[in-house]
Amino acid sequence: MSEIRGELARVSGAFEQPTLSLLNQKWASVVVSVLNSCFSRDVRLVSTARLHVLVEGLLAEIAHSGVVEVPQGSGRELCLRWTNAQWLIRSTATDGSEVYSLTSHAQQALDFVSTLRQERTGLSEHRIANIVATARRINRESNPDRESRVAILDAEITQLAVERDRLLAGGEMEAMSDDRMLEGFDELLSLVAQLPSDFIRVEEAFRSVRSDILDDFRAERRVPGEVIDRYLERIDRLITATPEGRAFEGAFALLRDEDLLDQLRQDVNALIEQGEEFLEDRDRRGLRGIVPLMRQGLDSVLDQRSRITDVLRTYISTRDAAKDRELDRILRSLEGVVSTWLKTASARETVPVVMLPGELEITHLRERFYDPSDEVPLARLAADEDELPEALSIEDLRRFGGPRMPELHAALDGTAGRPADWTLGGFFSELPDELRRPVDILGLLHLAVNSDELAMTEDTETYFAIRPDGSTRSFHVPLLAPGDTVEKDGL
């Protein structure tokens, strides 16, 4: 019973890992599809704003296709949710912009789904042969018995020499079967696909060290010398005592061997030529990008390690030792004063201590400061001379302007001798077309209410105005006619 309990505890712990929590949720297929579409081996960093838009657009497209189970929320909300679930990392790029990247847990989940999508079985003659060869190579390199090592090397040399002599003698060259060649390509591509998650694990380990160092500096739990010693100790332990660190050191050593890299490039190019019938364009790009992929992963890890060094250098260079000594002097003086006070103070005597500073009396606090970008003039519009509209004349501008007060005033002064029953609306209809615009009605009414000869009645009359484009419009205006009283408040 104890064995099954322990097994259950280990399995439960595995299911609590972010990798299985991603694959064990209701929207697992949707989330994995979205992450696969946004990130790839060549696209490892995506800006925050772009990823928010991408996620929102892809989910909308999935929902439009008829899929009912789609995560709810905006692109930003979902990305923050996935960051809290340890599927995404939000960090700062070298250019200062904020970017998202996949965690090792998410990359491992994507690789697992990609492996399940393969139709070929993992058991094959090629894989068994590789297992045998790998076991023999490890035995050769780790066997403590000198004679055993020499015997293994002699057997390999003899086997290779026999094959070389047979080929030199004109022996038949055995061609690899199509199935075995395809199995070899599948295995090689599978190993290449695992590289990004391996490098991401090392990045996360360095990122964890950097986060701990920042916490130590901010909390001031340790003196700078102790923080540096702890950093060196953790880096050394990370490189030598963890699988990720040892793998990184091995990859780093291999990537510094130019002869080995040249040999890898030549072998890959030869394999691509031999697998012309089996490989797709995506597979060819994957094989050709093995060396750039390893260099990119190596650069990312080195960048994280450089950031740790920058944190240490910045703190050490900006730390003010004089202020630290001043603080120590003040604390020692306070300690002396307390010691003197304790000599005469009773057991229950207290000293009032103000824990918080008093409020500052600030009458006004600026809310906006000078921004040089506000003073930058707008760029001139680049317009083609053929697309520019025709310039308006002064007469055209006057047609679309305000009322022509001088002409209206002169016309209104010439009303002497008109019949006693004339009205302002009838007078307006007798004016020239250029003085019968809708805006001229306002000008005429303004002159009328300031005249002692016209009075407003309770009736209305219709004004027929003519716009500059020739169209007409009617307005119902209070009737103004000659009289003794003018109700100027009516307008």
Protein backbone atom coordinates (compact mmCIF):
# COMPACT_ATOMS: atom_id res chain seq x y z
CA MET A 1 0.00 0.00 0.00
CA SER A 2 2.89 2.35 0.79
CA GLU A 3 4.28 1.93 -2.75
CA ILE A 4 1.05 2.99 -4.41
CA ARG A 5 0.77 5.96 -2.07
CA GLY A 6 4.24 7.11 -2.99
CA GLU A 7 3.55 6.57 -6.67
CA LEU A 8 0.31 8.55 -6.36
CA ALA A 9 2.17 11.42 -4.68
CA ARG A 10 4.79 11.50 -7.42
CA VAL A 11 2.18 11.40 -10.19
CA SER A 12 0.09 14.10 -8.49
CA GLY A 13 3.16 16.30 -8.27
CA ALA A 14 3.83 15.75 -11.97
CA PHE A 15 0.26 16.76 -12.85
CA GLU A 16 0.72 19.98 -10.88
CA GLN A 17 3.63 20.98 -13.11
CA PRO A 18 2.84 23.74 -15.67
CA THR A 19 3.52 21.35 -18.56
CA LEU A 20 0.70 18.96 -17.67
CA SER A 21 -1.57 21.75 -16.42
CA LEU A 22 -1.39 23.19 -19.95
CA LEU A 23 -2.29 19.86 -21.54
CA ASN A 24 -4.87 18.88 -18.91
CA GLN A 25 -7.18 21.91 -19.19
CA LYS A 26 -10.46 22.27 -21.04
CA TRP A 27 -9.02 24.59 -23.72
CA ALA A 28 -5.71 22.72 -24.15
CA SER A 29 -6.06 22.18 -27.90
CA VAL A 30 -6.97 25.83 -28.49
CA VAL A 31 -4.15 27.23 -26.32
CA VAL A 32 -1.53 24.92 -27.85
CA SER A 33 -2.68 25.84 -31.36
CA VAL A 34 -2.47 29.57 -30.58
CA LEU A 35 1.00 29.27 -29.02
CA ASN A 36 2.19 27.18 -31.98
CA SER A 37 0.92 29.86 -34.37
CA CYS A 38 2.52 32.77 -32.47
CA PHE A 39 5.89 31.18 -31.67
CA SER A 40 8.23 29.02 -33.67
CA ARG A 41 11.84 28.00 -33.71
CA ASP A 42 12.71 31.17 -35.62
CA VAL A 43 10.32 33.46 -33.68
CA ARG A 44 11.13 33.10 -30.00
CA LEU A 45 10.33 36.66 -28.89
CA VAL A 46 7.11 38.54 -29.65
CA SER A 47 6.40 42.08 -28.47
CA THR A 48 3.66 42.38 -25.85
CA ALA A 49 1.33 44.56 -27.93
CA ARG A 50 1.69 42.33 -31.01
CA LEU A 51 1.05 39.13 -29.06
CA HIS A 52 -2.08 40.62 -27.47
CA VAL A 53 -3.43 41.42 -30.93
CA LEU A 54 -2.38 38.04 -32.36
CA VAL A 55 -4.01 36.03 -29.57
CA GLU A 56 -7.24 38.01 -29.78
CA GLY A 57 -7.39 37.67 -33.58
CA LEU A 58 -6.61 33.94 -33.61
CA LEU A 59 -9.23 33.19 -30.94
CA ALA A 60 -11.81 35.22 -32.86
CA GLU A 61 -10.99 33.23 -36.01
CA ILE A 62 -11.29 29.94 -34.10
CA ALA A 63 -14.66 30.99 -32.61
CA HIS A 64 -15.86 32.07 -36.06
CA SER A 65 -15.00 28.62 -37.44
CA GLY A 66 -17.57 27.02 -35.13
CA VAL A 67 -15.46 25.97 -32.11
CA VAL A 68 -17.54 26.55 -28.98
CA GLU A 69 -14.93 26.01 -26.26
CA VAL A 70 -12.75 29.12 -26.56
CA PRO A 71 -11.09 30.94 -23.63
CA GLN A 72 -12.90 34.13 -22.73
CA GLY A 73 -11.16 37.49 -22.33
CA SER A 74 -9.14 39.95 -24.32
CA GLY A 75 -5.71 39.14 -25.72
CA ARG A 76 -4.01 41.05 -22.92
CA GLU A 77 -6.01 39.28 -20.20
CA LEU A 78 -5.27 35.85 -21.66
CA CYS A 79 -1.53 36.57 -22.00
CA LEU A 80 -1.38 37.71 -18.36
CA ARG A 81 -3.31 34.60 -17.35
CA TRP A 82 -0.88 32.38 -19.25
CA THR A 83 2.06 34.24 -17.69
CA ASN A 84 0.72 33.52 -14.20
CA ALA A 85 0.33 29.86 -15.22
CA GLN A 86 4.07 29.81 -16.16
CA TRP A 87 3.44 29.22 -19.86
CA LEU A 88 4.73 32.64 -20.95
CA ILE A 89 7.54 34.88 -19.74
CA ARG A 90 7.29 38.66 -19.96
CA SER A 91 10.73 40.23 -20.05
CA THR A 92 12.67 43.18 -21.43
CA ALA A 93 14.57 42.80 -24.70
CA THR A 94 18.00 44.26 -25.39
CA ASP A 95 16.42 47.29 -27.10
CA GLY A 96 14.31 48.09 -24.02
CA SER A 97 10.97 46.85 -25.38
CA GLU A 98 8.78 44.36 -23.50
CA VAL A 99 8.46 40.94 -25.12
CA TYR A 100 6.85 37.56 -24.46
CA SER A 101 8.59 34.21 -24.81
CA LEU A 102 7.63 30.61 -24.10
CA THR A 103 8.69 28.97 -20.87
CA SER A 104 10.38 25.60 -20.88
CA HIS A 105 7.12 24.07 -19.61
CA ALA A 106 5.15 25.43 -22.56
CA GLN A 107 7.87 24.44 -25.03
CA GLN A 108 7.91 20.93 -23.60
CA ALA A 109 4.11 20.70 -23.97
CA LEU A 110 4.32 21.86 -27.60
CA ASP A 111 7.07 19.33 -28.32
CA PHE A 112 4.99 16.56 -26.75
CA VAL A 113 1.98 17.42 -28.90
CA SER A 114 4.22 17.58 -31.97
CA THR A 115 5.56 14.11 -31.16
CA LEU A 116 2.04 12.73 -30.83
CA ARG A 117 1.17 14.14 -34.25
CA GLN A 118 3.80 11.96 -35.92
CA GLU A 119 2.33 8.89 -37.52
CA ARG A 120 5.51 6.79 -37.51
CA THR A 121 6.22 4.46 -34.62
CA GLY A 122 9.23 5.06 -32.41
CA LEU A 123 10.34 1.40 -32.51
CA SER A 124 12.52 0.69 -35.50
CA GLU A 125 15.72 -1.02 -36.55
CA HIS A 126 17.43 2.35 -36.82
CA ARG A 127 16.53 3.31 -33.25
CA ILE A 128 17.63 -0.05 -31.85
CA ALA A 129 20.95 0.29 -33.69
CA ASN A 130 21.41 3.76 -32.24
CA ILE A 131 20.71 2.45 -28.75
CA VAL A 132 23.32 -0.25 -29.16
CA ALA A 133 25.87 2.21 -30.58
CA THR A 134 25.20 4.74 -27.81
CA ALA A 135 25.55 2.12 -25.08
CA ARG A 136 28.84 0.95 -26.57
CA ARG A 137 30.17 4.51 -26.88
CA ILE A 138 29.30 5.30 -23.25
CA ASN A 139 30.91 2.05 -22.11
CA ARG A 140 34.03 2.90 -24.07
CA GLU A 141 34.30 6.37 -22.52
CA SER A 142 33.40 5.41 -18.95
CA ASN A 143 34.91 1.95 -18.49
CA PRO A 144 37.60 2.16 -15.80
CA ASP A 145 39.44 -0.91 -17.12
CA ARG A 146 42.19 0.11 -19.55
CA GLU A 147 42.26 -3.24 -21.33
CA SER A 148 38.50 -3.17 -21.85
CA ARG A 149 38.70 0.25 -23.44
CA VAL A 150 41.51 -0.83 -25.72
CA ALA A 151 39.54 -3.96 -26.69
CA ILE A 152 36.47 -1.90 -27.61
CA LEU A 153 38.59 0.50 -29.68
CA ASP A 154 40.37 -2.39 -31.44
CA ALA A 155 37.04 -3.97 -32.34
CA GLU A 156 35.73 -0.70 -33.78
CA ILE A 157 38.95 -0.05 -35.69
CA THR A 158 38.90 -3.58 -37.12
CA GLN A 159 35.28 -3.28 -38.18
CA LEU A 160 35.89 0.08 -39.86
CA ALA A 161 39.09 -1.13 -41.52
CA VAL A 162 37.33 -4.18 -42.99
CA GLU A 163 34.57 -2.00 -44.41
CA ARG A 164 37.09 0.48 -45.83
CA ASP A 165 39.14 -2.28 -47.50
CA ARG A 166 35.99 -3.82 -48.97
CA LEU A 167 34.97 -0.51 -50.54
CA LEU A 168 38.49 0.16 -51.85
CA ALA A 169 38.50 -3.28 -53.44
CA GLY A 170 35.37 -2.40 -55.42
CA GLY A 171 32.85 -4.12 -53.18
CA GLU A 172 29.16 -3.44 -53.54
CA MET A 173 27.89 -0.31 -51.78
CA GLU A 174 24.82 -1.25 -49.80
CA ALA A 175 22.14 1.41 -50.13
CA MET A 176 20.07 2.34 -47.12
CA SER A 177 16.41 1.47 -47.44
CA ASP A 178 13.86 4.24 -47.72
CA ASP A 179 12.21 3.30 -44.43
CA ARG A 180 15.48 3.37 -42.52
CA MET A 181 16.51 6.68 -44.09
CA LEU A 182 13.14 8.20 -43.19
CA GLU A 183 13.48 6.88 -39.64
CA GLY A 184 16.89 8.47 -39.37
CA PHE A 185 15.58 11.82 -40.54
CA ASP A 186 12.69 11.63 -38.09
CA GLU A 187 15.03 10.92 -35.21
CA LEU A 188 17.40 13.72 -36.22
CA LEU A 189 14.52 16.21 -36.53
CA SER A 190 13.20 15.08 -33.16
CA LEU A 191 16.57 15.79 -31.53
CA VAL A 192 16.67 19.22 -33.18
CA ALA A 193 13.15 20.02 -31.97
CA GLN A 194 14.21 19.40 -28.36
CA LEU A 195 16.97 22.01 -28.47
CA PRO A 196 14.79 25.13 -27.81
CA SER A 197 13.27 23.72 -24.61
CA ASP A 198 16.72 22.66 -23.37
CA PHE A 199 18.14 26.14 -23.84
CA ILE A 200 15.04 27.73 -22.27
CA ARG A 201 15.56 25.66 -19.11
CA VAL A 202 19.08 27.04 -18.76
CA GLU A 203 17.75 30.59 -19.36
CA GLU A 204 15.17 30.14 -16.62
CA ALA A 205 17.84 28.89 -14.22
CA PHE A 206 19.95 32.02 -14.85
CA ARG A 207 16.83 34.20 -14.64
CA SER A 208 16.05 32.70 -11.22
CA VAL A 209 19.55 33.56 -10.01
CA ARG A 210 19.13 37.14 -11.26
CA SER A 211 15.78 37.48 -9.50
CA ASP A 212 17.25 36.27 -6.19
CA ILE A 213 20.16 38.71 -6.45
CA LEU A 214 17.79 41.62 -7.07
CA ASP A 215 15.71 40.59 -4.06
CA ASP A 216 18.84 40.50 -1.89
CA PHE A 217 19.89 43.97 -3.01
CA ARG A 218 16.46 45.48 -2.53
CA ALA A 219 15.87 43.93 0.87
CA GLU A 220 19.47 44.64 1.96
CA ARG A 221 19.51 41.34 3.80
CA ARG A 222 23.17 40.82 2.95
CA VAL A 223 26.18 43.01 2.45
CA PRO A 224 27.37 43.39 -1.16
CA GLY A 225 30.36 41.14 -0.64
CA GLU A 226 28.16 38.33 0.64
CA VAL A 227 25.77 38.80 -2.30
CA ILE A 228 28.65 38.52 -4.79
CA ASP A 229 30.04 35.42 -3.07
CA ARG A 230 26.57 33.85 -3.12
CA TYR A 231 26.22 34.71 -6.82
CA LEU A 232 29.54 33.10 -7.71
CA GLU A 233 28.67 30.05 -5.66
CA ARG A 234 25.25 29.64 -7.31
CA ILE A 235 26.66 30.14 -10.82
CA ASP A 236 29.33 27.53 -10.17
CA ARG A 237 26.74 25.12 -8.76
CA LEU A 238 24.42 25.82 -11.69
CA ILE A 239 27.14 24.96 -14.21
CA THR A 240 28.58 21.92 -12.47
CA ALA A 241 25.79 20.41 -10.35
CA THR A 242 22.68 20.67 -12.57
CA PRO A 243 21.91 18.76 -15.79
CA GLU A 244 20.97 22.00 -17.55
CA GLY A 245 24.27 23.65 -16.64
CA ARG A 246 26.40 20.71 -17.65
CA ALA A 247 24.52 20.42 -20.95
CA PHE A 248 25.06 24.12 -21.58
CA GLU A 249 28.77 23.89 -20.87
CA GLY A 250 29.03 20.94 -23.24
CA ALA A 251 27.15 22.76 -25.99
CA PHE A 252 29.27 25.84 -25.39
CA ALA A 253 32.44 23.81 -25.80
CA LEU A 254 31.16 22.22 -29.01
CA LEU A 255 30.11 25.51 -30.52
CA ARG A 256 33.60 26.91 -29.97
CA ASP A 257 35.03 24.04 -32.09
CA GLU A 258 34.88 25.44 -35.61
CA ASP A 259 36.11 22.19 -37.17
CA LEU A 260 33.27 20.30 -35.53
CA LEU A 261 30.73 22.88 -36.73
CA ASP A 262 32.08 22.67 -40.29
CA GLN A 263 31.78 18.90 -40.16
CA LEU A 264 28.18 19.22 -38.90
CA ARG A 265 27.30 21.61 -41.74
CA GLN A 266 28.80 19.28 -44.35
CA ASP A 267 26.96 16.25 -42.95
CA VAL A 268 23.65 18.15 -42.85
CA ASN A 269 24.03 19.38 -46.43
CA ALA A 270 24.83 15.85 -47.60
CA LEU A 271 21.81 14.45 -45.76
CA ILE A 272 19.54 17.07 -47.31
CA GLU A 273 20.72 16.09 -50.78
CA GLN A 274 20.18 12.38 -50.03
CA GLY A 275 16.72 12.97 -48.56
CA GLU A 276 15.38 15.06 -51.42
CA GLU A 277 12.43 12.67 -51.84
CA PHE A 278 11.58 12.38 -48.14
CA LEU A 279 12.05 15.84 -46.69
CA GLU A 280 9.56 18.67 -46.85
CA ASP A 281 10.59 22.31 -47.12
CA ARG A 282 9.95 22.78 -43.41
CA ASP A 283 12.25 19.84 -42.59
CA ARG A 284 15.00 21.18 -44.85
CA ARG A 285 14.84 24.57 -43.15
CA GLY A 286 14.99 22.83 -39.79
CA LEU A 287 18.11 20.86 -40.71
CA ARG A 288 19.88 23.85 -42.26
CA GLY A 289 19.14 25.90 -39.16
CA ILE A 290 20.69 23.51 -36.63
CA VAL A 291 23.85 25.54 -36.14
CA PRO A 292 22.05 28.96 -36.08
CA LEU A 293 19.54 27.48 -33.62
CA MET A 294 22.29 26.38 -31.26
CA ARG A 295 24.03 29.74 -31.58
CA GLN A 296 20.77 31.57 -30.91
CA GLY A 297 20.06 29.50 -27.81
CA LEU A 298 23.62 30.00 -26.63
CA ASP A 299 23.36 33.76 -27.12
CA SER A 300 20.13 33.87 -25.12
CA VAL A 301 21.73 32.04 -22.21
CA LEU A 302 24.81 34.26 -22.33
CA ASP A 303 22.52 37.31 -22.41
CA GLN A 304 20.85 36.18 -19.19
CA ARG A 305 24.25 35.64 -17.57
CA SER A 306 25.36 39.09 -18.76
CA ARG A 307 22.29 40.64 -17.16
CA ILE A 308 23.31 39.16 -13.82
CA THR A 309 26.74 40.72 -14.21
CA ASP A 310 25.15 44.07 -15.13
CA VAL A 311 23.03 43.96 -11.99
CA LEU A 312 26.11 43.41 -9.82
CA ARG A 313 28.16 46.06 -11.60
CA THR A 314 25.36 48.65 -11.44
CA TYR A 315 24.77 48.09 -7.73
CA ILE A 316 28.44 48.22 -6.85
CA SER A 317 29.10 51.34 -8.95
CA THR A 318 26.05 53.26 -7.69
CA ARG A 319 26.33 52.31 -4.02
CA ASP A 320 27.37 55.30 -1.94
CA ALA A 321 29.84 54.14 0.68
CA ALA A 322 29.95 57.61 2.28
CA LYS A 323 26.21 57.53 2.99
CA ASP A 324 26.56 54.04 4.44
CA ARG A 325 29.28 55.27 6.80
CA GLU A 326 27.13 58.25 7.76
CA LEU A 327 24.23 55.93 8.57
CA ASP A 328 26.51 53.74 10.68
CA ARG A 329 27.72 56.84 12.55
CA ILE A 330 24.15 57.98 13.25
CA LEU A 331 23.16 54.51 14.46
CA ARG A 332 26.18 54.36 16.77
CA SER A 333 25.37 57.81 18.20
CA LEU A 334 21.78 56.73 18.80
CA GLU A 335 23.04 53.62 20.51
CA GLY A 336 25.20 55.78 22.79
CA VAL A 337 22.28 58.08 23.64
CA VAL A 338 20.06 55.08 24.45
CA SER A 339 22.75 53.63 26.68
CA THR A 340 23.00 56.93 28.60
CA TRP A 341 19.21 57.13 28.94
CA LEU A 342 18.96 53.56 30.21
CA LYS A 343 21.23 54.42 33.14
CA THR A 344 18.57 56.75 34.65
CA ALA A 345 15.33 55.41 33.15
CA SER A 346 12.97 53.22 35.14
CA ALA A 347 11.74 49.83 33.99
CA ARG A 348 8.37 51.08 32.71
CA GLU A 349 9.49 54.42 31.31
CA THR A 350 8.73 54.98 27.63
CA VAL A 351 9.84 57.42 24.97
CA PRO A 352 7.33 58.66 22.36
CA VAL A 353 8.58 57.86 18.88
CA VAL A 354 6.94 59.18 15.73
CA MET A 355 6.68 56.23 13.37
CA LEU A 356 5.43 58.15 10.33
CA PRO A 357 6.52 61.60 9.08
CA GLY A 358 4.05 64.45 9.20
CA GLU A 359 2.03 65.57 6.23
CA LEU A 360 3.62 68.01 3.82
CA GLU A 361 1.74 71.25 3.23
CA ILE A 362 1.82 71.56 -0.55
CA THR A 363 -0.61 74.05 -2.04
CA HIS A 364 -0.14 72.90 -5.61
CA LEU A 365 1.54 69.92 -7.20
CA ARG A 366 2.30 69.99 -10.87
CA GLU A 367 0.47 67.30 -12.77
CA ARG A 368 2.14 67.77 -16.12
CA PHE A 369 5.74 68.56 -16.92
CA TYR A 370 7.41 69.92 -19.98
CA ASP A 371 7.58 67.42 -22.82
CA PRO A 372 9.91 68.39 -25.69
CA SER A 373 7.84 66.28 -28.08
CA ASP A 374 4.95 68.74 -27.67
CA GLU A 375 7.03 71.46 -29.32
CA VAL A 376 7.95 69.43 -32.40
CA PRO A 377 6.10 70.89 -35.44
CA LEU A 378 4.06 68.60 -37.61
CA ALA A 379 5.67 67.25 -40.73
CA ARG A 380 4.66 68.93 -43.95
CA LEU A 381 2.13 67.05 -46.00
CA ALA A 382 3.52 65.67 -49.24
CA ALA A 383 0.90 66.51 -51.86
CA ASP A 384 0.97 66.06 -55.58
CA GLU A 385 0.34 69.29 -57.49
CA ASP A 386 -2.13 67.45 -59.73
CA GLU A 387 -4.22 66.43 -56.70
CA LEU A 388 -4.43 69.90 -55.14
CA PRO A 389 -7.92 71.51 -55.27
CA GLU A 390 -8.44 74.71 -57.20
CA ALA A 391 -7.78 77.88 -55.23
CA LEU A 392 -10.86 79.88 -54.19
CA SER A 393 -11.17 83.50 -55.24
CA ILE A 394 -12.04 86.33 -52.88
CA GLU A 395 -15.56 86.41 -54.29
CA ASP A 396 -15.98 82.66 -53.64
CA LEU A 397 -14.78 83.06 -50.09
CA ARG A 398 -17.24 85.89 -49.51
CA ARG A 399 -20.08 83.74 -50.83
CA PHE A 400 -19.41 81.16 -48.12
CA GLY A 401 -18.62 83.74 -45.40
CA GLY A 402 -20.76 85.62 -42.91
CA PRO A 403 -23.54 88.14 -43.63
CA ARG A 404 -22.64 91.17 -45.75
CA MET A 405 -23.51 93.79 -43.20
CA PRO A 406 -22.61 96.96 -45.19
CA GLU A 407 -24.74 95.97 -48.19
CA LEU A 408 -27.66 94.91 -45.94
CA HIS A 409 -27.43 98.14 -43.93
CA ALA A 410 -27.43 100.25 -47.11
CA ALA A 411 -30.43 98.36 -48.50
CA LEU A 412 -32.35 98.72 -45.21
CA ASP A 413 -31.70 102.50 -45.14
CA GLY A 414 -33.31 102.77 -48.59
CA THR A 415 -36.74 101.61 -47.37
CA ALA A 416 -38.06 105.19 -47.07
CA GLY A 417 -41.14 105.74 -49.21
CA ARG A 418 -42.25 102.10 -49.14
CA PRO A 419 -45.96 101.27 -48.46
CA ALA A 420 -47.04 101.26 -44.82
CA ASP A 421 -47.82 97.51 -44.84
CA TRP A 422 -44.36 96.30 -45.94
CA THR A 423 -42.63 93.54 -43.96
CA LEU A 424 -39.03 92.54 -43.48
CA GLY A 425 -39.65 89.16 -45.17
CA GLY A 426 -41.06 90.81 -48.27
CA PHE A 427 -38.11 93.18 -48.29
CA PHE A 428 -35.72 90.19 -48.09
CA SER A 429 -37.34 88.54 -51.12
CA GLU A 430 -36.63 91.68 -53.19
CA LEU A 431 -32.90 91.69 -52.46
CA PRO A 432 -30.36 90.40 -55.03
CA ASP A 433 -29.53 86.69 -54.92
CA GLU A 434 -26.08 87.30 -53.42
CA LEU A 435 -27.77 88.98 -50.39
CA ARG A 436 -30.37 86.26 -49.84
CA ARG A 437 -28.20 83.56 -48.31
CA PRO A 438 -29.38 81.89 -45.05
CA VAL A 439 -26.65 83.70 -43.14
CA ASP A 440 -27.87 87.04 -44.51
CA ILE A 441 -31.20 86.49 -42.72
CA LEU A 442 -29.34 86.64 -39.40
CA GLY A 443 -27.56 89.83 -40.45
CA LEU A 444 -30.83 91.44 -41.55
CA LEU A 445 -32.57 90.49 -38.29
CA HIS A 446 -29.66 91.91 -36.32
CA LEU A 447 -30.07 95.25 -38.09
CA ALA A 448 -33.86 95.16 -37.73
CA VAL A 449 -33.98 94.66 -33.96
CA ASN A 450 -31.59 97.58 -33.52
CA SER A 451 -33.85 99.86 -35.62
CA ASP A 452 -36.55 102.05 -34.07
CA GLU A 453 -38.72 101.82 -37.19
CA LEU A 454 -39.56 98.09 -37.07
CA ALA A 455 -41.62 96.25 -34.47
CA MET A 456 -42.06 92.50 -33.83
CA THR A 457 -45.54 90.96 -33.96
CA GLU A 458 -46.86 87.58 -32.80
CA ASP A 459 -47.19 86.34 -36.38
CA THR A 460 -44.51 84.69 -38.50
CA GLU A 461 -43.56 84.90 -42.13
CA THR A 462 -41.51 82.75 -44.46
CA TYR A 463 -38.10 83.74 -45.77
CA PHE A 464 -36.93 82.04 -48.97
CA ALA A 465 -33.12 81.94 -48.91
CA ILE A 466 -30.83 81.04 -51.79
CA ARG A 467 -27.60 79.16 -51.01
CA PRO A 468 -24.34 79.82 -52.91
CA ASP A 469 -24.82 76.57 -54.86
CA GLY A 470 -28.25 77.76 -56.11
CA SER A 471 -30.42 75.58 -53.86
CA THR A 472 -33.23 77.21 -51.83
CA ARG A 473 -34.43 76.80 -48.28
CA SER A 474 -37.32 78.34 -46.37
CA PHE A 475 -37.22 79.70 -42.79
CA HIS A 476 -40.13 80.70 -40.53
CA VAL A 477 -39.19 83.95 -38.78
CA PRO A 478 -41.22 86.27 -36.49
CA LEU A 479 -42.89 88.99 -38.58
CA LEU A 480 -41.23 92.43 -38.36
CA ALA A 481 -43.08 95.45 -39.76
CA PRO A 482 -43.10 99.25 -39.24
CA GLY A 483 -44.53 100.11 -35.80
CA ASP A 484 -44.00 101.99 -32.53
CA THR A 485 -42.66 99.19 -30.29
CA VAL A 486 -39.82 96.76 -30.89
CA GLU A 487 -39.65 93.56 -28.80
CA LYS A 488 -35.94 93.01 -28.97
CA ASP A 489 -35.96 90.18 -26.42
CA GLY A 490 -37.75 87.93 -28.88
CA LEU A 491 -34.66 87.29 -30.96
